[in-house]
Protein backbone atom coordinates (compact mmCIF):
# COMPACT_ATOMS: atom_id res chain seq x y z
CA MET A 1 48.10 68.14 63.50
CA ALA A 2 50.07 68.59 60.34
CA LYS A 3 52.85 71.14 60.37
CA THR A 4 53.70 73.29 57.44
CA VAL A 5 56.99 74.84 56.48
CA ALA A 6 55.51 78.19 57.50
CA ASP A 7 54.69 76.81 60.97
CA ILE A 8 58.24 75.62 61.43
CA GLU A 9 59.64 78.93 60.17
CA ARG A 10 57.50 80.77 62.75
CA GLN A 11 58.81 78.46 65.47
CA ILE A 12 62.37 79.08 64.33
CA ALA A 13 61.81 82.84 64.35
CA ALA A 14 60.30 82.64 67.84
CA LEU A 15 63.23 80.57 69.08
CA HIS A 16 65.71 83.04 67.58
CA ALA A 17 63.92 85.89 69.34
CA GLU A 18 63.92 83.97 72.62
CA LYS A 19 67.62 83.17 72.19
CA LYS A 20 68.37 86.85 71.62
CA GLN A 21 66.51 87.80 74.81
CA LEU A 22 68.31 85.13 76.82
CA GLU A 23 71.69 86.24 75.50
CA ALA A 24 70.91 89.85 76.43
CA ALA A 25 69.84 88.77 79.92
CA GLU A 26 73.07 86.76 80.30
CA ARG A 27 75.19 89.74 79.23
CA LYS A 28 73.33 91.99 81.68
CA ALA A 29 73.76 89.49 84.53
CA ASP A 30 77.47 89.10 83.70
CA LYS A 31 77.93 92.88 83.69
CA GLU A 32 76.10 93.32 87.00
CA ALA A 33 78.08 90.50 88.61
CA LEU A 34 81.37 91.99 87.43
CA GLU A 35 80.38 95.41 88.77
CA ALA A 36 79.52 93.87 92.15
CA ALA A 37 82.81 91.97 92.23
CA GLU A 38 84.82 95.07 91.32
CA SER A 39 83.11 97.05 94.06
CA ILE A 40 83.65 94.40 96.72
CA LEU A 41 87.24 93.67 95.68
CA GLY A 42 87.93 97.41 95.74
CA LYS A 43 86.59 97.56 99.30
CA ILE A 44 88.86 94.68 100.26
CA VAL A 45 91.88 96.54 98.86
CA LEU A 46 90.92 99.73 100.71
CA ARG A 47 90.55 97.82 103.98
CA ALA A 48 93.90 96.10 103.44
CA VAL A 49 95.74 99.35 102.68
CA GLU A 50 94.24 101.05 105.74
CA ALA A 51 94.56 104.49 104.20
CA ASP A 52 92.20 107.19 103.04
CA TRP A 53 91.26 106.27 99.48
CA LYS A 54 92.07 109.84 98.40
CA ARG A 55 95.75 109.18 99.17
CA ILE A 56 96.03 106.07 97.00
CA ASP A 57 97.66 106.67 93.63
CA PRO A 58 95.94 104.23 91.24
CA ALA A 59 98.95 104.15 88.91
CA LEU A 60 101.30 103.20 91.76
CA LEU A 61 98.87 100.59 93.06
CA GLU A 62 98.46 99.08 89.60
CA LYS A 63 102.25 99.02 89.07
CA TRP A 64 102.80 97.41 92.47
CA LEU A 65 100.16 94.75 91.75
CA ASP A 66 101.53 94.12 88.25
CA GLU A 67 105.01 93.53 89.66
CA ARG A 68 103.59 90.91 92.02
CA ARG A 69 101.00 89.36 89.71
CA ASP A 70 102.45 85.83 89.76
CA LYS A 71 102.71 85.68 93.54
CA ILE A 72 99.24 87.18 93.97
CA GLN A 73 97.71 84.69 91.55
CA GLU A 74 99.45 81.81 93.29
CA ALA A 75 98.17 83.01 96.67
CA VAL A 76 94.56 83.92 95.90
CA LEU A 77 93.25 82.09 92.83
CA GLY A 78 90.99 79.09 93.37
CA ASP A 79 88.65 77.11 91.20
CA GLU A 80 86.46 79.08 88.81
CA LEU A 81 82.86 79.01 89.99
CA GLU A 82 79.60 79.57 88.19
CA ARG A 83 78.53 83.23 88.31
CA ALA A 84 75.89 82.73 91.04
CA ASP A 85 78.26 80.74 93.26
CA ALA A 86 81.09 83.24 92.76
CA LEU A 87 78.75 86.11 93.69
CA ARG A 88 77.64 84.31 96.85
CA ARG A 89 81.26 83.74 97.80
CA ILE A 90 82.36 87.32 97.22
CA LYS A 91 79.29 88.93 98.80
CA LYS A 92 80.33 87.44 102.14
CA PHE A 93 82.98 90.19 102.18
CA LYS A 94 80.66 93.11 101.45
């Protein structure tokens, strides 16, 4: 079957549309994964502090964490995982 320039242009347009959909799905999945991680990590912090969340001053917590950033990173950072693997790992702490 002979292809024409128009056929190829239609294929290109279809591929561009598919790429756009895939990129949107990736962005959505990234956003949802980040939201899940933030929620779970927040729960871990609340458990560690052992205080009513209404007593925690976010500015003081952020300052305290900032002052200890290097030590925290040294203590808790591991290898970067793919999104799905990282979600599986963090969801164990839900």
